[in-house]
N, C-alpha and C. Protein backbone atom coordinates (compact mmCIF):
# COMPACT_ATOMS: atom_id res chain seq x y z
N MET A 1 142.37 15.17 92.51
CA MET A 1 143.47 14.69 94.10
C MET A 1 143.33 15.43 94.68
N ARG A 2 143.43 16.81 94.47
CA ARG A 2 143.18 17.82 95.16
C ARG A 2 141.60 17.67 96.11
N ASN A 3 140.87 17.26 95.32
CA ASN A 3 139.49 17.60 95.96
C ASN A 3 139.22 16.34 96.83
N ILE A 4 139.95 14.94 96.77
CA ILE A 4 139.93 14.29 97.73
C ILE A 4 140.41 14.75 98.53
N ILE A 5 141.81 15.06 98.73
CA ILE A 5 142.59 15.33 99.93
C ILE A 5 141.56 16.53 101.11
N LEU A 6 141.32 17.31 99.98
CA LEU A 6 140.34 18.57 100.89
C LEU A 6 139.81 18.01 101.45
N CYS A 7 138.51 16.99 100.95
CA CYS A 7 137.31 16.39 101.39
C CYS A 7 137.69 15.29 102.60
N MET A 8 138.74 15.00 102.29
CA MET A 8 139.25 14.01 103.70
C MET A 8 139.71 14.77 104.65
N ALA A 9 140.24 16.00 104.64
CA ALA A 9 141.22 16.91 105.66
C ALA A 9 139.63 17.35 105.95
N PHE A 10 138.19 17.65 105.61
CA PHE A 10 137.26 18.41 105.94
C PHE A 10 137.18 17.28 107.12
N LEU A 11 136.65 16.18 106.27
CA LEU A 11 135.84 15.33 106.94
C LEU A 11 136.90 14.57 108.51
N LEU A 12 138.30 14.90 108.79
CA LEU A 12 139.01 14.81 109.65
C LEU A 12 138.52 15.51 110.55
N CYS A 13 138.61 16.59 110.16
CA CYS A 13 138.16 18.16 111.03
C CYS A 13 136.81 18.22 112.09
N THR A 14 135.62 17.48 110.70
CA THR A 14 134.43 17.82 111.26
C THR A 14 134.08 16.59 112.23
N SER A 15 135.04 15.40 112.56
CA SER A 15 134.54 14.68 113.16
C SER A 15 134.97 14.93 114.72
N CYS A 16 136.50 16.10 114.78
CA CYS A 16 136.75 16.11 115.82
C CYS A 16 136.18 17.15 116.98
N ALA A 17 136.28 16.92 117.90
CA ALA A 17 135.24 17.96 119.31
C ALA A 17 135.92 18.47 119.48
N MET A 18 135.82 20.13 119.87
CA MET A 18 136.09 21.38 119.92
C MET A 18 136.12 21.36 121.06
N ASN A 19 137.60 22.19 121.48
CA ASN A 19 137.61 22.74 123.06
C ASN A 19 136.66 23.77 123.41
N HIS A 20 135.73 23.67 124.54
CA HIS A 20 134.82 24.54 124.95
C HIS A 20 135.01 25.70 124.89
N GLY A 21 136.11 25.83 125.75
CA GLY A 21 136.32 27.06 125.67
C GLY A 21 135.61 27.96 126.93
N LYS A 22 135.18 27.21 127.65
CA LYS A 22 134.25 27.74 128.82
C LYS A 22 135.18 27.92 130.28
N PRO A 23 135.03 28.75 131.06
CA PRO A 23 135.12 28.67 132.15
C PRO A 23 135.17 27.48 133.15
N ILE A 24 136.37 26.95 133.60
CA ILE A 24 136.66 26.03 134.62
C ILE A 24 135.66 26.08 136.02
N ALA A 25 134.55 25.49 136.44
CA ALA A 25 133.80 25.72 137.71
C ALA A 25 134.29 25.77 138.45
N HIS A 26 134.26 26.39 139.73
CA HIS A 26 134.70 26.42 141.20
C HIS A 26 133.66 26.37 141.89
N LEU A 27 133.58 24.73 142.08
CA LEU A 27 132.46 24.31 143.05
C LEU A 27 132.49 24.37 144.65
N GLN A 28 131.96 24.61 145.60
CA GLN A 28 131.52 24.68 146.45
C GLN A 28 130.74 24.08 147.48
N TYR A 29 131.02 23.02 147.86
CA TYR A 29 129.90 22.46 148.93
C TYR A 29 129.32 22.92 150.21
N VAL A 30 127.73 23.09 150.07
CA VAL A 30 126.75 23.52 150.97
C VAL A 30 126.33 22.65 151.56
N GLY A 31 125.71 21.54 151.59
CA GLY A 31 124.93 20.54 152.31
C GLY A 31 124.35 19.06 151.23
N VAL A 32 123.95 18.41 152.08
CA VAL A 32 123.04 17.23 151.71
C VAL A 32 122.51 16.82 152.30
N GLU A 33 121.19 16.37 152.07
CA GLU A 33 120.18 15.72 152.72
C GLU A 33 119.34 14.66 151.98
N ARG A 34 118.88 13.77 152.35
CA ARG A 34 118.63 12.01 152.13
C ARG A 34 117.13 12.54 151.56
N TYR A 35 116.72 12.28 150.77
CA TYR A 35 115.57 12.51 150.37
C TYR A 35 114.54 11.43 150.34
N LEU A 36 113.73 11.93 151.35
CA LEU A 36 112.57 11.14 152.00
C LEU A 36 113.48 9.85 152.39
N ASP A 37 112.93 8.87 152.24
CA ASP A 37 113.55 7.60 152.91
C ASP A 37 114.10 6.70 151.33
N ARG A 38 114.16 7.56 150.17
CA ARG A 38 114.98 6.91 149.68
C ARG A 38 116.76 7.06 149.17
N ASN A 39 117.04 6.50 148.32
CA ASN A 39 118.51 6.12 148.70
C ASN A 39 119.09 6.91 147.48
N ILE A 40 117.96 8.39 147.48
CA ILE A 40 118.86 9.55 146.89
C ILE A 40 119.41 10.41 148.09
N TYR A 41 120.65 11.18 147.58
CA TYR A 41 121.25 12.06 148.17
C TYR A 41 121.29 13.28 147.60
N GLN A 42 120.67 14.40 148.03
CA GLN A 42 120.85 15.44 147.16
C GLN A 42 121.53 16.47 148.08
N VAL A 43 122.55 16.87 146.99
CA VAL A 43 123.97 17.29 147.52
C VAL A 43 123.49 18.92 146.61
N ARG A 44 123.71 19.72 147.71
CA ARG A 44 123.90 21.43 147.28
C ARG A 44 125.21 21.64 147.14
N PHE A 45 125.37 22.41 146.10
CA PHE A 45 126.65 23.47 145.89
C PHE A 45 126.65 24.42 145.33
N SER A 46 127.40 25.38 145.72
CA SER A 46 127.17 26.95 144.94
C SER A 46 128.69 26.76 143.50
N SER A 47 128.67 27.36 142.49
CA SER A 47 129.36 27.86 142.10
C SER A 47 130.18 29.47 141.43
N ASP A 48 130.68 29.42 140.73
CA ASP A 48 130.76 30.47 140.43
C ASP A 48 130.93 30.62 139.03
N VAL A 49 130.30 29.77 138.21
CA VAL A 49 129.59 29.78 137.43
C VAL A 49 128.38 28.39 136.66
N ASP A 50 127.75 29.06 135.97
CA ASP A 50 126.47 28.47 136.15
C ASP A 50 125.85 27.24 135.22
N VAL A 51 126.65 26.28 135.79
CA VAL A 51 126.94 25.08 135.33
C VAL A 51 125.89 24.67 134.21
N VAL A 52 124.55 24.73 135.01
CA VAL A 52 122.98 24.42 133.94
C VAL A 52 122.89 24.87 132.56
N ASN A 53 123.16 26.39 132.90
CA ASN A 53 122.84 27.00 131.35
C ASN A 53 124.16 27.27 130.94
N LEU A 54 125.41 26.84 131.34
CA LEU A 54 126.69 26.65 130.20
C LEU A 54 127.02 26.69 128.61
N PHE A 55 126.14 25.54 128.04
CA PHE A 55 126.18 25.28 126.88
C PHE A 55 124.47 25.59 126.62
N LYS A 56 124.02 25.68 125.17
CA LYS A 56 122.88 25.51 124.73
C LYS A 56 122.46 24.08 124.10
N SER A 57 123.24 23.12 124.18
CA SER A 57 122.28 22.04 123.61
C SER A 57 123.68 21.00 124.29
N LYS A 58 122.88 20.81 125.05
CA LYS A 58 123.96 19.24 126.05
C LYS A 58 123.36 18.06 126.05
N ILE A 59 124.15 17.08 126.40
CA ILE A 59 123.18 16.02 126.05
C ILE A 59 122.91 15.66 127.82
N SER A 60 124.42 15.77 128.55
CA SER A 60 123.92 15.90 130.04
C SER A 60 124.76 16.46 131.12
N GLN A 61 124.28 16.61 132.36
CA GLN A 61 124.46 17.56 132.75
C GLN A 61 124.59 16.88 134.50
N THR A 62 125.27 16.51 134.98
CA THR A 62 125.84 15.32 135.92
C THR A 62 126.88 16.03 137.14
N LEU A 63 126.62 15.79 138.19
CA LEU A 63 127.42 15.68 139.59
C LEU A 63 127.71 14.30 139.12
N LEU A 64 129.25 13.74 139.35
CA LEU A 64 129.72 12.78 139.74
C LEU A 64 130.88 12.53 141.00
N CYS A 65 130.57 11.77 141.58
CA CYS A 65 131.39 11.75 142.80
C CYS A 65 132.18 10.24 142.91
N SER A 66 133.23 9.99 142.98
CA SER A 66 134.18 9.07 142.99
C SER A 66 134.74 8.31 144.55
N PHE A 67 134.65 7.06 144.74
CA PHE A 67 135.12 6.54 145.53
C PHE A 67 136.55 6.18 145.51
N GLU A 68 136.70 6.07 144.26
CA GLU A 68 138.46 5.77 143.69
C GLU A 68 139.06 6.53 143.92
N ASP A 69 140.38 6.80 143.75
CA ASP A 69 141.66 7.68 143.67
C ASP A 69 142.05 8.19 142.30
N ASP A 70 141.61 7.09 141.59
CA ASP A 70 142.35 7.38 140.10
C ASP A 70 140.59 7.22 139.25
N PHE A 71 139.75 7.78 139.97
CA PHE A 71 138.88 7.97 138.69
C PHE A 71 138.68 8.84 137.40
N ASP A 72 138.26 7.90 136.47
CA ASP A 72 138.50 9.21 135.29
C ASP A 72 137.07 10.04 135.54
N PHE A 73 136.95 11.00 135.64
CA PHE A 73 135.70 11.44 135.26
C PHE A 73 135.38 11.93 134.04
N SER A 74 136.08 11.87 133.04
CA SER A 74 135.87 11.91 131.76
C SER A 74 135.20 10.77 130.97
N ALA A 75 135.29 9.73 131.23
CA ALA A 75 133.92 8.42 131.39
C ALA A 75 133.54 8.36 132.55
N PRO A 76 132.13 8.07 132.43
CA PRO A 76 131.17 8.55 133.76
C PRO A 76 131.48 6.74 134.47
N HIS A 77 131.41 6.10 133.83
CA HIS A 77 131.28 4.60 134.29
C HIS A 77 132.77 3.63 134.45
N SER A 78 133.29 4.42 134.63
CA SER A 78 134.62 3.89 134.27
C SER A 78 135.43 3.28 135.64
N ALA A 79 134.40 3.73 136.68
CA ALA A 79 134.99 2.73 137.98
C ALA A 79 134.06 1.64 138.71
N GLY A 80 134.42 1.22 139.44
CA GLY A 80 133.32 -0.03 139.78
C GLY A 80 132.16 0.44 140.67
N ARG A 81 132.46 1.52 141.87
CA ARG A 81 131.59 2.29 142.63
C ARG A 81 131.86 3.95 142.51
N TYR A 82 130.42 4.40 141.97
CA TYR A 82 130.46 6.05 141.90
C TYR A 82 129.26 6.31 142.44
N GLY A 83 128.75 7.36 142.49
CA GLY A 83 127.42 8.46 142.41
C GLY A 83 127.33 8.85 141.43
N GLU A 84 126.02 9.10 141.04
CA GLU A 84 125.89 10.27 139.73
C GLU A 84 124.47 10.69 139.90
N GLY A 85 124.66 12.09 139.85
CA GLY A 85 123.07 12.80 140.12
C GLY A 85 122.81 14.01 139.07
N PHE A 86 121.83 14.40 138.25
CA PHE A 86 121.53 14.91 137.61
C PHE A 86 121.51 16.87 138.36
N ILE A 87 121.76 17.76 137.49
CA ILE A 87 121.97 18.81 138.05
C ILE A 87 120.80 19.84 137.75
N GLU A 88 120.42 20.10 138.75
CA GLU A 88 119.26 21.27 138.85
C GLU A 88 119.56 22.47 139.53
N PRO A 89 119.11 24.03 138.85
CA PRO A 89 119.56 24.88 139.72
C PRO A 89 118.45 25.37 140.89
N GLU A 90 118.49 25.73 141.85
CA GLU A 90 117.99 26.24 142.57
C GLU A 90 118.22 27.77 143.32
N ILE A 91 117.22 28.36 143.33
CA ILE A 91 116.64 29.67 143.82
C ILE A 91 117.22 30.10 145.05
N SER A 92 118.19 31.04 144.75
CA SER A 92 119.21 31.71 145.83
C SER A 92 119.68 33.31 145.85
N SER A 93 119.64 33.81 146.87
CA SER A 93 120.03 35.13 146.40
C SER A 93 121.79 35.48 146.58
N ALA A 94 122.32 34.49 147.00
CA ALA A 94 123.98 33.86 147.22
C ALA A 94 124.83 33.65 145.59
N GLY A 95 123.85 33.89 144.91
CA GLY A 95 124.82 33.14 143.56
C GLY A 95 123.92 32.00 142.82
N PRO A 96 124.86 31.33 142.00
CA PRO A 96 124.64 30.40 141.69
C PRO A 96 124.44 29.11 143.07
N VAL A 97 123.52 28.14 142.67
CA VAL A 97 123.44 27.41 143.69
C VAL A 97 122.34 26.30 142.75
N PHE A 98 123.09 25.21 143.04
CA PHE A 98 122.52 23.62 142.57
C PHE A 98 122.46 22.77 143.55
N ARG A 99 121.34 21.85 142.84
CA ARG A 99 121.15 20.34 143.49
C ARG A 99 121.30 19.15 142.61
N ALA A 100 121.97 18.08 143.20
CA ALA A 100 122.35 17.06 142.64
C ALA A 100 121.74 15.99 142.99
N ASP A 101 120.80 15.22 142.58
CA ASP A 101 120.00 14.40 142.88
C ASP A 101 120.98 12.78 143.07
N VAL A 102 121.84 12.74 143.44
CA VAL A 102 123.02 11.61 143.67
C VAL A 102 122.44 9.98 143.81
N LEU A 103 122.31 9.18 143.27
CA LEU A 103 122.33 7.66 143.36
C LEU A 103 123.95 7.54 143.34
N PHE A 104 124.40 6.43 144.27
CA PHE A 104 125.33 5.42 144.18
C PHE A 104 125.13 4.27 143.52
N PHE A 105 126.02 3.81 142.57
CA PHE A 105 126.06 2.59 142.16
C PHE A 105 127.75 2.12 142.53
N GLU A 106 127.73 0.47 142.60
CA GLU A 106 128.03 -0.29 141.92
C GLU A 106 128.17 -1.19 140.51
N ARG A 107 129.15 -1.05 139.54
CA ARG A 107 128.96 -1.94 138.41
C ARG A 107 129.62 -2.91 138.53
N LYS A 108 128.61 -4.14 138.35
CA LYS A 108 128.64 -5.29 138.17
C LYS A 108 129.75 -5.71 136.74
N ASN A 109 129.52 -5.70 135.80
CA ASN A 109 129.59 -5.71 134.51
C ASN A 109 129.73 -4.65 133.54
N ASP A 110 129.78 -4.75 132.35
CA ASP A 110 129.38 -3.70 131.30
C ASP A 110 128.45 -3.35 130.98
N THR A 111 127.26 -3.99 131.17
CA THR A 111 126.03 -4.51 130.88
C THR A 111 124.93 -3.81 132.20
N SER A 112 125.36 -4.13 133.61
CA SER A 112 124.33 -3.93 134.52
C SER A 112 125.48 -3.56 136.37
N GLU A 113 124.71 -2.93 136.98
CA GLU A 113 125.13 -1.98 137.79
C GLU A 113 123.85 -2.31 138.97
N LYS A 114 124.37 -2.10 140.18
CA LYS A 114 123.08 -1.92 141.29
C LYS A 114 122.93 -0.78 142.08
N ILE A 115 122.35 0.07 142.13
CA ILE A 115 122.27 0.82 143.79
C ILE A 115 122.73 0.40 144.99
N ILE A 116 124.02 1.13 145.30
CA ILE A 116 124.57 1.12 146.73
C ILE A 116 123.58 1.78 148.16
N GLU A 117 123.22 0.73 148.55
CA GLU A 117 121.92 1.38 150.20
C GLU A 117 123.09 1.20 151.14
N GLY A 118 122.48 1.73 152.15
CA GLY A 118 122.22 1.29 153.22
C GLY A 118 123.97 0.93 154.03
N GLU A 119 123.92 -0.23 154.77
CA GLU A 119 125.23 -1.07 155.37
C GLU A 119 126.29 -1.03 153.92
N ALA A 120 126.14 -1.30 152.69
CA ALA A 120 127.02 -1.25 152.15
C ALA A 120 127.58 -0.24 151.40
N LEU A 121 126.69 1.15 151.96
CA LEU A 121 127.22 2.49 151.40
C LEU A 121 127.93 2.97 152.44
N ARG A 122 127.22 2.70 154.26
CA ARG A 122 127.70 3.22 154.72
C ARG A 122 129.68 2.58 154.65
N SER A 123 129.78 1.03 154.53
CA SER A 123 131.32 0.51 154.71
C SER A 123 131.81 1.28 153.71
N LEU A 124 131.32 1.86 152.69
CA LEU A 124 132.28 2.55 151.71
C LEU A 124 132.69 3.90 152.40
N LEU A 125 132.04 4.58 152.69
CA LEU A 125 131.58 5.82 153.89
C LEU A 125 132.55 6.20 154.97
N VAL A 126 132.57 4.89 155.51
CA VAL A 126 133.44 4.96 157.06
C VAL A 126 134.86 4.80 156.32
N GLY A 127 135.57 5.89 157.67
CA GLY A 127 137.15 6.06 157.82
C GLY A 127 137.21 6.75 156.28
N ARG A 128 136.59 7.16 155.75
CA ARG A 128 137.13 8.55 154.91
C ARG A 128 136.74 9.83 155.01
N GLU A 129 137.57 10.76 154.61
CA GLU A 129 137.20 11.69 155.02
C GLU A 129 136.12 12.63 154.22
N SER A 130 136.04 12.53 152.72
CA SER A 130 135.47 12.78 151.96
C SER A 130 135.21 12.45 150.52
N ILE A 131 134.31 12.46 149.69
CA ILE A 131 134.55 11.97 148.46
C ILE A 131 134.33 13.12 147.62
N VAL A 132 134.88 12.68 145.86
CA VAL A 132 135.48 14.18 145.28
C VAL A 132 134.60 13.66 144.12
N CYS A 133 133.98 14.77 144.18
CA CYS A 133 132.87 14.82 143.17
C CYS A 133 132.93 16.11 142.06
N LYS A 134 132.83 15.90 140.74
CA LYS A 134 132.34 17.14 139.93
C LYS A 134 131.53 17.22 138.95
N VAL A 135 131.57 18.83 138.13
CA VAL A 135 130.03 18.58 137.18
C VAL A 135 130.91 18.00 136.17
N ARG A 136 130.09 17.22 135.53
CA ARG A 136 130.52 16.54 133.97
C ARG A 136 129.08 16.94 133.70
N ILE A 137 129.64 17.93 132.01
CA ILE A 137 128.30 18.21 131.58
C ILE A 137 129.12 17.77 129.88
N ASN A 138 128.54 16.81 129.16
CA ASN A 138 128.24 16.71 127.85
C ASN A 138 127.37 17.15 126.61
N SER A 139 128.12 17.92 125.81
CA SER A 139 127.80 18.28 125.16
C SER A 139 127.56 18.23 123.36
N TYR A 140 126.85 18.40 122.62
CA TYR A 140 127.50 18.63 121.37
C TYR A 140 128.38 19.29 120.69
N SER A 141 129.04 18.84 119.59
CA SER A 141 130.19 19.12 119.02
C SER A 141 131.49 19.65 120.28
N TYR A 142 131.48 19.65 121.22
CA TYR A 142 132.53 19.59 122.35
C TYR A 142 133.64 18.24 122.95
N LYS A 143 134.04 19.54 123.76
CA LYS A 143 134.81 18.21 124.59
C LYS A 143 133.98 18.31 125.59
N ILE A 144 134.29 17.17 126.53
CA ILE A 144 133.62 17.26 127.93
C ILE A 144 133.80 18.02 129.32
N TYR A 145 133.26 18.79 129.32
CA TYR A 145 133.33 20.11 130.66
C TYR A 145 133.36 19.13 131.84
N LEU A 146 134.47 19.65 132.50
CA LEU A 146 134.72 19.16 134.31
C LEU A 146 135.17 20.14 134.66
N SER A 147 134.33 20.05 136.22
CA SER A 147 134.56 21.11 137.12
C SER A 147 136.08 20.95 137.78
N GLU A 148 136.14 21.89 138.62
CA GLU A 148 136.88 21.72 139.45
C GLU A 148 136.72 20.63 140.09
N ASP A 149 137.41 20.22 141.15
CA ASP A 149 136.94 18.98 142.66
C ASP A 149 136.26 19.39 143.04
N MET A 150 135.36 19.07 144.40
CA MET A 150 134.75 19.41 145.11
C MET A 150 134.17 18.15 146.04
N LYS A 151 135.09 18.57 147.38
CA LYS A 151 134.74 17.00 148.51
C LYS A 151 133.65 17.32 149.13
N VAL A 152 132.97 16.21 149.34
CA VAL A 152 132.03 16.12 150.24
C VAL A 152 132.29 15.40 150.79
N PRO A 153 131.97 15.49 152.25
CA PRO A 153 132.12 15.20 153.66
C PRO A 153 131.24 14.13 153.86
N THR A 154 132.17 13.40 153.96
CA THR A 154 131.51 11.59 154.11
C THR A 154 130.62 11.92 155.53
N ALA A 155 131.13 12.57 156.46
CA ALA A 155 130.51 12.61 157.98
C ALA A 155 128.74 13.09 157.66
N ASP A 156 128.84 13.95 156.67
CA ASP A 156 127.77 14.46 156.47
C ASP A 156 126.47 13.28 155.87
N LEU A 157 127.18 12.66 154.61
CA LEU A 157 126.50 11.47 154.56
C LEU A 157 126.28 10.09 154.90
N LEU A 158 126.74 10.06 155.86
CA LEU A 158 126.79 9.21 156.96
C LEU A 158 125.65 9.44 157.84
N ARG A 159 125.67 10.82 158.14
CA ARG A 159 124.56 11.55 159.02
C ARG A 159 122.78 11.34 158.77
N GLU A 160 123.24 11.46 157.24
CA GLU A 160 122.03 10.80 156.37
C GLU A 160 121.72 9.74 155.97
N ILE A 161 122.32 8.83 156.26
CA ILE A 161 122.40 7.05 155.66
C ILE A 161 121.42 6.74 157.08
N ASP A 162 122.32 7.70 158.74
CA ASP A 162 121.62 6.57 159.86
C ASP A 162 120.46 7.39 160.08
N LYS A 163 119.66 8.37 159.56
CA LYS A 163 118.49 9.16 159.94
C LYS A 163 117.35 8.04 159.56
N PHE A 164 117.48 7.32 158.80
CA PHE A 164 116.69 6.20 159.04
C PHE A 164 116.80 4.91 158.91
């Protein structure tokens, strides 16, 4: 009986994700550019933490942006409209600088979503001062890592939409 209880306790403990114990990154918005004439917006930001090399084994490292006030950043697709882009490092003498190639999506249902582009994206941004973004890293064995909020000015995004 004791062995069964020990085995059950071990299984319960191994199924839980551990706290990562990593420092929470403070992000600073640097700028945004539209990539060619595509619907990709290259958001650049600096960080006091190297978010690309924070974990040795990771499933994903993205910048998530929300149009909603109550967006759950721990679940990447919890909102109807959001932005998401894979994070890459950039070479800079000013410390860690990163770029995320962000696409904006509208979730139609549990199995489909479409890219928000042009006038539809413009209408979501007009009248807003900024959208909130966070770095989200999903790694093996650890709870989801989330940075502090970073505000991306909608005026910069609107300028890039209007270029094409």
